[in-house]
Amino acid sequence: MARAGFYMLRGRVPLKDMARAMPHRVKALALKVFGRFYVPTVPFQHGFFRKRSRKIIDQLSRNVPSWSGLVCAIGGLDTIESMEAALDEGFGLIQAARALIRDPDFVRKTASQYQDKPDGSHHNVHKCIHCNMCVVATLNPQGPMSCPERLADGDTLF
């Protein structure tokens, strides 16, 4: 099923910030006027594509006997717990864009915490708050690609 590009936005949808960041005035105006009608607000849920994507693994396993490829889990996998759940379901790869935008040291910190704290507590990892401001940052090619939570005092996205 085809979806609009905004379908990946889960959680807060910062329409005004998106419009302000757009370099093209006509598109910015269209987003300001019509955005609330065309950009859905969908609550964030960890692993929001896992169930649908799992069907791909099941079909490949049933229909292609020699299949040994890897299917990548995408969509809302921004904690080690959600990533582990996807791997346990048979996914071979994890896409972790927001987790890595929020905390570029996510993998290193998580690995070291597993060694230090086998109980699974991960208090040192900075977690995504699903504000979608990283998406806003991608709209302006002159702006930094970063999570606003990580920007130093005084820095701005645009």
N, C-alpha and C. Protein backbone atom coordinates (compact mmCIF):
# COMPACT_ATOMS: atom_id res chain seq x y z
N MET A 1 0.84 -1.17 0.00
CA MET A 1 0.00 0.00 0.00
C MET A 1 0.89 1.24 0.00
N ALA A 2 0.67 2.14 -0.92
CA ALA A 2 1.46 3.37 -1.00
C ALA A 2 1.00 4.34 0.07
N ARG A 3 1.93 5.07 0.62
CA ARG A 3 1.63 6.05 1.65
C ARG A 3 2.30 7.37 1.29
N ALA A 4 1.77 8.46 1.80
CA ALA A 4 2.39 9.76 1.62
C ALA A 4 3.70 9.80 2.40
N GLY A 5 4.61 10.66 1.98
CA GLY A 5 5.90 10.77 2.65
C GLY A 5 5.79 11.14 4.12
N PHE A 6 4.74 11.86 4.48
CA PHE A 6 4.56 12.25 5.87
C PHE A 6 4.09 11.10 6.75
N TYR A 7 3.80 9.95 6.16
CA TYR A 7 3.32 8.80 6.91
C TYR A 7 4.33 8.34 7.95
N MET A 8 5.61 8.62 7.72
CA MET A 8 6.65 8.22 8.67
C MET A 8 6.70 9.13 9.90
N LEU A 9 6.07 10.30 9.83
CA LEU A 9 6.05 11.18 10.99
C LEU A 9 5.12 10.60 12.04
N ARG A 10 5.67 10.25 13.15
CA ARG A 10 4.86 9.73 14.26
C ARG A 10 5.14 10.59 15.46
N GLY A 11 4.12 10.92 16.19
CA GLY A 11 4.28 11.82 17.32
C GLY A 11 3.93 13.24 16.91
N ARG A 12 4.59 14.20 17.50
CA ARG A 12 4.32 15.62 17.22
C ARG A 12 4.61 15.94 15.76
N VAL A 13 3.74 16.70 15.12
CA VAL A 13 3.95 17.15 13.73
C VAL A 13 4.11 18.66 13.76
N PRO A 14 5.34 19.14 13.67
CA PRO A 14 5.62 20.58 13.79
C PRO A 14 5.40 21.33 12.46
N LEU A 15 4.14 21.49 12.06
CA LEU A 15 3.82 22.10 10.76
C LEU A 15 4.38 23.51 10.61
N LYS A 16 4.23 24.34 11.63
CA LYS A 16 4.73 25.73 11.53
C LYS A 16 6.24 25.75 11.37
N ASP A 17 6.93 24.91 12.13
CA ASP A 17 8.39 24.84 12.01
C ASP A 17 8.80 24.30 10.64
N MET A 18 8.05 23.33 10.15
CA MET A 18 8.34 22.77 8.82
C MET A 18 8.19 23.85 7.74
N ALA A 19 7.11 24.59 7.81
CA ALA A 19 6.87 25.65 6.83
C ALA A 19 7.96 26.72 6.90
N ARG A 20 8.36 27.08 8.11
CA ARG A 20 9.39 28.11 8.29
C ARG A 20 10.74 27.65 7.74
N ALA A 21 11.00 26.35 7.79
CA ALA A 21 12.29 25.82 7.36
C ALA A 21 12.38 25.60 5.85
N MET A 22 11.24 25.56 5.18
CA MET A 22 11.25 25.27 3.74
C MET A 22 11.86 26.43 2.96
N PRO A 23 12.80 26.11 2.06
CA PRO A 23 13.44 27.16 1.27
C PRO A 23 12.54 27.71 0.16
N HIS A 24 11.50 26.98 -0.23
CA HIS A 24 10.60 27.43 -1.30
C HIS A 24 9.35 28.05 -0.68
N ARG A 25 9.12 29.33 -0.95
CA ARG A 25 8.02 30.06 -0.32
C ARG A 25 6.64 29.50 -0.68
N VAL A 26 6.47 29.06 -1.91
CA VAL A 26 5.17 28.54 -2.33
C VAL A 26 4.84 27.27 -1.55
N LYS A 27 5.83 26.36 -1.44
CA LYS A 27 5.60 25.13 -0.68
C LYS A 27 5.37 25.45 0.80
N ALA A 28 6.10 26.41 1.32
CA ALA A 28 5.94 26.79 2.73
C ALA A 28 4.53 27.33 2.97
N LEU A 29 4.05 28.18 2.06
CA LEU A 29 2.71 28.73 2.20
C LEU A 29 1.66 27.62 2.09
N ALA A 30 1.84 26.71 1.14
CA ALA A 30 0.90 25.59 0.98
C ALA A 30 0.86 24.74 2.25
N LEU A 31 2.02 24.50 2.85
CA LEU A 31 2.06 23.71 4.08
C LEU A 31 1.36 24.43 5.22
N LYS A 32 1.56 25.75 5.32
CA LYS A 32 0.90 26.53 6.36
C LYS A 32 -0.62 26.49 6.21
N VAL A 33 -1.10 26.63 4.98
CA VAL A 33 -2.53 26.72 4.74
C VAL A 33 -3.20 25.34 4.76
N PHE A 34 -2.60 24.37 4.07
CA PHE A 34 -3.25 23.07 3.87
C PHE A 34 -2.66 21.92 4.68
N GLY A 35 -1.55 22.17 5.36
CA GLY A 35 -0.85 21.09 6.06
C GLY A 35 -1.71 20.31 7.02
N ARG A 36 -2.54 20.99 7.77
CA ARG A 36 -3.36 20.28 8.77
C ARG A 36 -4.35 19.31 8.13
N PHE A 37 -4.65 19.51 6.82
CA PHE A 37 -5.56 18.61 6.12
C PHE A 37 -4.83 17.42 5.48
N TYR A 38 -3.55 17.62 5.14
CA TYR A 38 -2.82 16.60 4.38
C TYR A 38 -1.73 15.87 5.15
N VAL A 39 -1.35 16.40 6.28
CA VAL A 39 -0.30 15.76 7.07
C VAL A 39 -0.96 15.15 8.30
N PRO A 40 -1.03 13.82 8.34
CA PRO A 40 -1.73 13.18 9.46
C PRO A 40 -0.94 13.27 10.76
N THR A 41 -1.66 13.32 11.86
CA THR A 41 -1.04 13.22 13.17
C THR A 41 -1.30 11.80 13.65
N VAL A 42 -0.21 11.03 13.74
CA VAL A 42 -0.31 9.62 14.12
C VAL A 42 0.51 9.44 15.39
N PRO A 43 -0.08 8.89 16.44
CA PRO A 43 0.69 8.69 17.67
C PRO A 43 1.90 7.80 17.44
N PHE A 44 2.98 8.09 18.15
CA PHE A 44 4.19 7.27 18.03
C PHE A 44 3.96 5.94 18.73
N GLN A 45 4.48 4.89 18.11
CA GLN A 45 4.43 3.56 18.69
C GLN A 45 5.74 2.87 18.30
N HIS A 46 6.43 2.30 19.26
CA HIS A 46 7.69 1.61 18.96
C HIS A 46 7.44 0.49 17.95
N GLY A 47 8.29 0.45 16.93
CA GLY A 47 8.21 -0.62 15.94
C GLY A 47 6.93 -0.59 15.12
N PHE A 48 6.48 0.61 14.72
CA PHE A 48 5.17 0.72 14.08
C PHE A 48 5.04 0.02 12.73
N PHE A 49 6.15 -0.40 12.09
CA PHE A 49 6.06 -1.16 10.85
C PHE A 49 6.41 -2.64 11.04
N ARG A 50 6.75 -3.04 12.25
CA ARG A 50 7.22 -4.41 12.46
C ARG A 50 6.20 -5.46 12.06
N LYS A 51 4.97 -5.28 12.43
CA LYS A 51 3.94 -6.29 12.14
C LYS A 51 3.78 -6.47 10.63
N ARG A 52 3.68 -5.37 9.90
CA ARG A 52 3.55 -5.45 8.43
C ARG A 52 4.80 -6.04 7.80
N SER A 53 5.95 -5.60 8.26
CA SER A 53 7.20 -6.08 7.69
C SER A 53 7.44 -7.56 8.00
N ARG A 54 6.95 -8.00 9.12
CA ARG A 54 7.09 -9.41 9.49
C ARG A 54 6.42 -10.31 8.45
N LYS A 55 5.37 -9.81 7.81
CA LYS A 55 4.69 -10.58 6.77
C LYS A 55 5.62 -10.86 5.60
N ILE A 56 6.54 -9.96 5.31
CA ILE A 56 7.51 -10.17 4.23
C ILE A 56 8.41 -11.36 4.57
N ILE A 57 8.91 -11.40 5.79
CA ILE A 57 9.75 -12.51 6.21
C ILE A 57 8.98 -13.82 6.12
N ASP A 58 7.74 -13.82 6.59
CA ASP A 58 6.92 -15.04 6.55
C ASP A 58 6.68 -15.51 5.12
N GLN A 59 6.36 -14.59 4.22
CA GLN A 59 6.11 -14.97 2.82
C GLN A 59 7.37 -15.49 2.15
N LEU A 60 8.49 -14.83 2.39
CA LEU A 60 9.74 -15.31 1.81
C LEU A 60 10.10 -16.70 2.32
N SER A 61 9.92 -16.91 3.60
CA SER A 61 10.24 -18.21 4.19
C SER A 61 9.37 -19.32 3.62
N ARG A 62 8.09 -19.01 3.37
CA ARG A 62 7.16 -20.02 2.82
C ARG A 62 7.36 -20.26 1.33
N ASN A 63 7.60 -19.19 0.58
CA ASN A 63 7.57 -19.28 -0.88
C ASN A 63 8.92 -19.42 -1.57
N VAL A 64 10.00 -19.13 -0.87
CA VAL A 64 11.33 -19.22 -1.47
C VAL A 64 12.17 -20.11 -0.56
N PRO A 65 12.20 -21.41 -0.86
CA PRO A 65 12.88 -22.36 0.03
C PRO A 65 14.35 -22.02 0.29
N SER A 66 15.04 -21.50 -0.68
CA SER A 66 16.46 -21.21 -0.50
C SER A 66 16.72 -19.79 0.01
N TRP A 67 15.66 -19.10 0.39
CA TRP A 67 15.80 -17.72 0.83
C TRP A 67 16.65 -17.64 2.08
N SER A 68 17.66 -16.80 2.03
CA SER A 68 18.50 -16.61 3.21
C SER A 68 18.89 -15.14 3.33
N GLY A 69 18.07 -14.27 2.77
CA GLY A 69 18.36 -12.84 2.80
C GLY A 69 18.00 -12.20 4.12
N LEU A 70 18.28 -10.94 4.20
CA LEU A 70 17.99 -10.19 5.41
C LEU A 70 16.91 -9.16 5.12
N VAL A 71 15.97 -9.03 6.02
CA VAL A 71 14.94 -8.01 5.92
C VAL A 71 15.23 -6.99 7.01
N CYS A 72 15.18 -5.72 6.63
CA CYS A 72 15.48 -4.63 7.56
C CYS A 72 14.21 -4.14 8.23
N ALA A 73 14.24 -4.04 9.53
CA ALA A 73 13.11 -3.49 10.29
C ALA A 73 13.27 -1.98 10.35
N ILE A 74 12.21 -1.26 10.00
CA ILE A 74 12.22 0.21 10.05
C ILE A 74 11.00 0.69 10.82
N GLY A 75 11.05 1.94 11.24
CA GLY A 75 9.88 2.58 11.82
C GLY A 75 9.77 2.46 13.32
N GLY A 76 10.27 3.46 14.02
CA GLY A 76 10.06 3.52 15.46
C GLY A 76 10.93 2.60 16.29
N LEU A 77 12.09 2.24 15.77
CA LEU A 77 13.02 1.40 16.52
C LEU A 77 14.12 2.30 17.08
N ASP A 78 13.83 2.94 18.19
CA ASP A 78 14.78 3.91 18.74
C ASP A 78 15.21 3.60 20.16
N THR A 79 14.91 2.39 20.60
CA THR A 79 15.42 1.92 21.90
C THR A 79 16.02 0.54 21.68
N ILE A 80 16.92 0.17 22.54
CA ILE A 80 17.54 -1.14 22.41
C ILE A 80 16.49 -2.24 22.59
N GLU A 81 15.50 -1.98 23.43
CA GLU A 81 14.45 -2.97 23.65
C GLU A 81 13.64 -3.22 22.37
N SER A 82 13.27 -2.16 21.66
CA SER A 82 12.50 -2.34 20.43
C SER A 82 13.35 -2.99 19.34
N MET A 83 14.64 -2.69 19.33
CA MET A 83 15.54 -3.31 18.35
C MET A 83 15.72 -4.80 18.63
N GLU A 84 15.90 -5.14 19.89
CA GLU A 84 16.04 -6.55 20.26
C GLU A 84 14.77 -7.34 19.92
N ALA A 85 13.62 -6.74 20.14
CA ALA A 85 12.36 -7.41 19.82
C ALA A 85 12.28 -7.69 18.32
N ALA A 86 12.71 -6.74 17.49
CA ALA A 86 12.70 -6.94 16.04
C ALA A 86 13.67 -8.05 15.64
N LEU A 87 14.85 -8.07 16.22
CA LEU A 87 15.83 -9.13 15.92
C LEU A 87 15.29 -10.48 16.35
N ASP A 88 14.62 -10.52 17.50
CA ASP A 88 14.04 -11.78 17.98
C ASP A 88 12.94 -12.30 17.05
N GLU A 89 12.28 -11.39 16.32
CA GLU A 89 11.21 -11.78 15.39
C GLU A 89 11.76 -12.25 14.05
N GLY A 90 13.07 -12.14 13.84
CA GLY A 90 13.64 -12.63 12.59
C GLY A 90 14.20 -11.58 11.66
N PHE A 91 14.11 -10.32 12.03
CA PHE A 91 14.72 -9.29 11.20
C PHE A 91 16.23 -9.39 11.31
N GLY A 92 16.91 -9.20 10.20
CA GLY A 92 18.36 -9.32 10.20
C GLY A 92 19.07 -7.98 10.31
N LEU A 93 18.36 -6.90 10.02
CA LEU A 93 18.93 -5.56 10.06
C LEU A 93 17.96 -4.62 10.76
N ILE A 94 18.52 -3.57 11.34
CA ILE A 94 17.72 -2.56 12.03
C ILE A 94 18.08 -1.20 11.47
N GLN A 95 17.09 -0.42 11.09
CA GLN A 95 17.30 0.97 10.69
C GLN A 95 17.05 1.81 11.93
N ALA A 96 18.00 2.63 12.29
CA ALA A 96 17.91 3.37 13.55
C ALA A 96 18.22 4.85 13.36
N ALA A 97 17.61 5.46 12.37
CA ALA A 97 17.94 6.85 12.05
C ALA A 97 17.71 7.80 13.21
N ARG A 98 16.52 7.80 13.77
CA ARG A 98 16.22 8.77 14.83
C ARG A 98 17.05 8.53 16.08
N ALA A 99 17.28 7.27 16.41
CA ALA A 99 18.11 6.97 17.58
C ALA A 99 19.51 7.52 17.39
N LEU A 100 20.04 7.41 16.17
CA LEU A 100 21.40 7.88 15.90
C LEU A 100 21.47 9.39 15.71
N ILE A 101 20.39 9.99 15.21
CA ILE A 101 20.36 11.46 15.12
C ILE A 101 20.31 12.03 16.53
N ARG A 102 19.50 11.44 17.38
CA ARG A 102 19.37 11.93 18.76
C ARG A 102 20.65 11.73 19.54
N ASP A 103 21.27 10.56 19.39
CA ASP A 103 22.49 10.26 20.12
C ASP A 103 23.44 9.49 19.21
N PRO A 104 24.37 10.21 18.55
CA PRO A 104 25.30 9.54 17.63
C PRO A 104 26.13 8.44 18.29
N ASP A 105 26.23 8.45 19.60
CA ASP A 105 26.97 7.42 20.33
C ASP A 105 26.06 6.31 20.84
N PHE A 106 24.85 6.22 20.32
CA PHE A 106 23.85 5.25 20.76
C PHE A 106 24.40 3.83 20.80
N VAL A 107 25.03 3.40 19.72
CA VAL A 107 25.52 2.02 19.64
C VAL A 107 26.63 1.78 20.66
N ARG A 108 27.60 2.69 20.73
CA ARG A 108 28.70 2.53 21.67
C ARG A 108 28.20 2.53 23.11
N LYS A 109 27.34 3.49 23.44
CA LYS A 109 26.83 3.58 24.81
C LYS A 109 26.02 2.34 25.18
N THR A 110 25.20 1.89 24.26
CA THR A 110 24.37 0.72 24.54
C THR A 110 25.23 -0.52 24.73
N ALA A 111 26.23 -0.70 23.87
CA ALA A 111 27.12 -1.86 23.99
C ALA A 111 27.87 -1.82 25.32
N SER A 112 28.39 -0.66 25.69
CA SER A 112 29.15 -0.59 26.94
C SER A 112 28.23 -0.78 28.14
N GLN A 113 27.01 -0.32 28.06
CA GLN A 113 26.08 -0.50 29.17
C GLN A 113 25.69 -1.96 29.34
N TYR A 114 25.60 -2.69 28.24
CA TYR A 114 25.30 -4.11 28.36
C TYR A 114 26.43 -4.84 29.06
N GLN A 115 27.64 -4.41 28.80
CA GLN A 115 28.77 -5.04 29.47
C GLN A 115 28.80 -4.65 30.94
N ASP A 116 28.49 -3.37 31.22
CA ASP A 116 28.54 -2.87 32.59
C ASP A 116 27.30 -3.22 33.40
N LYS A 117 26.13 -3.24 32.73
CA LYS A 117 24.86 -3.42 33.43
C LYS A 117 24.03 -4.50 32.73
N PRO A 118 24.30 -5.75 33.00
CA PRO A 118 23.55 -6.82 32.33
C PRO A 118 22.06 -6.83 32.65
N ASP A 119 21.63 -6.02 33.63
CA ASP A 119 20.20 -5.96 33.95
C ASP A 119 19.40 -5.20 32.91
N GLY A 120 20.08 -4.57 31.94
CA GLY A 120 19.39 -3.89 30.86
C GLY A 120 19.10 -2.42 31.11
N SER A 121 19.56 -1.85 32.22
CA SER A 121 19.29 -0.43 32.46
C SER A 121 20.21 0.41 31.58
N HIS A 122 19.63 1.35 30.87
CA HIS A 122 20.36 2.16 29.88
C HIS A 122 20.12 3.64 30.17
N HIS A 123 20.60 4.12 31.25
CA HIS A 123 20.29 5.49 31.66
C HIS A 123 21.15 6.54 30.98
N ASN A 124 22.25 6.16 30.38
CA ASN A 124 23.16 7.12 29.78
C ASN A 124 22.83 7.42 28.32
N VAL A 125 21.93 6.67 27.72
CA VAL A 125 21.58 6.86 26.32
C VAL A 125 20.52 7.95 26.22
N HIS A 126 20.76 8.94 25.35
CA HIS A 126 19.79 10.01 25.13
C HIS A 126 18.71 9.50 24.19
N LYS A 127 17.47 9.52 24.62
CA LYS A 127 16.39 8.95 23.84
C LYS A 127 15.63 10.01 23.05
N CYS A 128 15.18 9.61 21.88
CA CYS A 128 14.37 10.46 21.01
C CYS A 128 13.04 10.76 21.71
N ILE A 129 12.59 12.02 21.61
CA ILE A 129 11.30 12.40 22.22
C ILE A 129 10.21 12.52 21.16
N HIS A 130 10.51 12.16 19.91
CA HIS A 130 9.52 12.10 18.82
C HIS A 130 8.90 13.45 18.51
N CYS A 131 9.73 14.49 18.55
CA CYS A 131 9.25 15.83 18.23
C CYS A 131 9.29 16.11 16.72
N ASN A 132 10.00 15.28 15.97
CA ASN A 132 10.14 15.39 14.51
C ASN A 132 10.85 16.66 14.05
N MET A 133 11.56 17.31 14.95
CA MET A 133 12.33 18.49 14.55
C MET A 133 13.55 18.09 13.71
N CYS A 134 14.00 16.85 13.80
CA CYS A 134 15.08 16.39 12.93
C CYS A 134 14.60 16.37 11.48
N VAL A 135 13.31 16.09 11.27
CA VAL A 135 12.74 16.14 9.93
C VAL A 135 12.73 17.58 9.44
N VAL A 136 12.39 18.50 10.32
CA VAL A 136 12.41 19.93 9.98
C VAL A 136 13.82 20.33 9.55
N ALA A 137 14.82 19.82 10.25
CA ALA A 137 16.21 20.17 9.94
C ALA A 137 16.60 19.74 8.53
N THR A 138 15.99 18.67 8.02
CA THR A 138 16.34 18.20 6.67
C THR A 138 15.74 19.08 5.58
N LEU A 139 14.78 19.92 5.90
CA LEU A 139 14.12 20.75 4.90
C LEU A 139 14.96 21.92 4.44
N ASN A 140 15.89 22.35 5.28
CA ASN A 140 16.73 23.49 4.94
C ASN A 140 18.15 22.99 4.69
N PRO A 141 18.59 22.99 3.42
CA PRO A 141 19.92 22.45 3.12
C PRO A 141 21.05 23.24 3.78
N GLN A 142 20.81 24.48 4.17
CA GLN A 142 21.85 25.27 4.84
C GLN A 142 21.91 25.02 6.34
N GLY A 143 20.88 24.40 6.88
CA GLY A 143 20.84 24.18 8.32
C GLY A 143 21.57 22.92 8.72
N PRO A 144 21.90 22.79 10.00
CA PRO A 144 22.58 21.58 10.47
C PRO A 144 21.61 20.41 10.56
N MET A 145 22.10 19.22 10.25
CA MET A 145 21.28 18.01 10.43
C MET A 145 21.57 17.50 11.82
N SER A 146 20.67 17.80 12.72
CA SER A 146 20.89 17.43 14.11
C SER A 146 19.57 17.39 14.85
N CYS A 147 19.60 16.76 15.98
CA CYS A 147 18.46 16.77 16.88
C CYS A 147 18.52 18.07 17.68
N PRO A 148 17.41 18.81 17.75
CA PRO A 148 17.45 20.08 18.50
C PRO A 148 17.77 19.88 19.98
N GLU A 149 17.50 18.70 20.50
CA GLU A 149 17.82 18.41 21.88
C GLU A 149 19.34 18.38 22.10
N ARG A 150 20.09 18.17 21.02
CA ARG A 150 21.55 18.08 21.12
C ARG A 150 22.25 19.38 20.78
N LEU A 151 21.50 20.32 20.20
CA LEU A 151 22.15 21.57 19.81
C LEU A 151 22.64 22.33 21.04
N ALA A 152 23.79 22.92 20.89
CA ALA A 152 24.35 23.69 22.00
C ALA A 152 23.51 24.96 22.23
N ASP A 153 23.60 25.51 23.43
CA ASP A 153 22.88 26.76 23.72
C ASP A 153 23.24 27.82 22.71
N GLY A 154 22.22 28.48 22.19
CA GLY A 154 22.45 29.55 21.21
C GLY A 154 22.38 29.11 19.77
N ASP A 155 22.56 27.82 19.51
CA ASP A 155 22.45 27.32 18.13
C ASP A 155 20.98 27.24 17.75
N THR A 156 20.71 27.35 16.46
CA THR A 156 19.35 27.19 15.96
C THR A 156 19.36 26.20 14.80
N LEU A 157 18.19 25.70 14.48
CA LEU A 157 18.08 24.78 13.34
C LEU A 157 18.17 25.52 12.01
N PHE A 158 17.72 26.76 11.95
CA PHE A 158 17.72 27.47 10.67
C PHE A 158 18.26 28.85 10.84
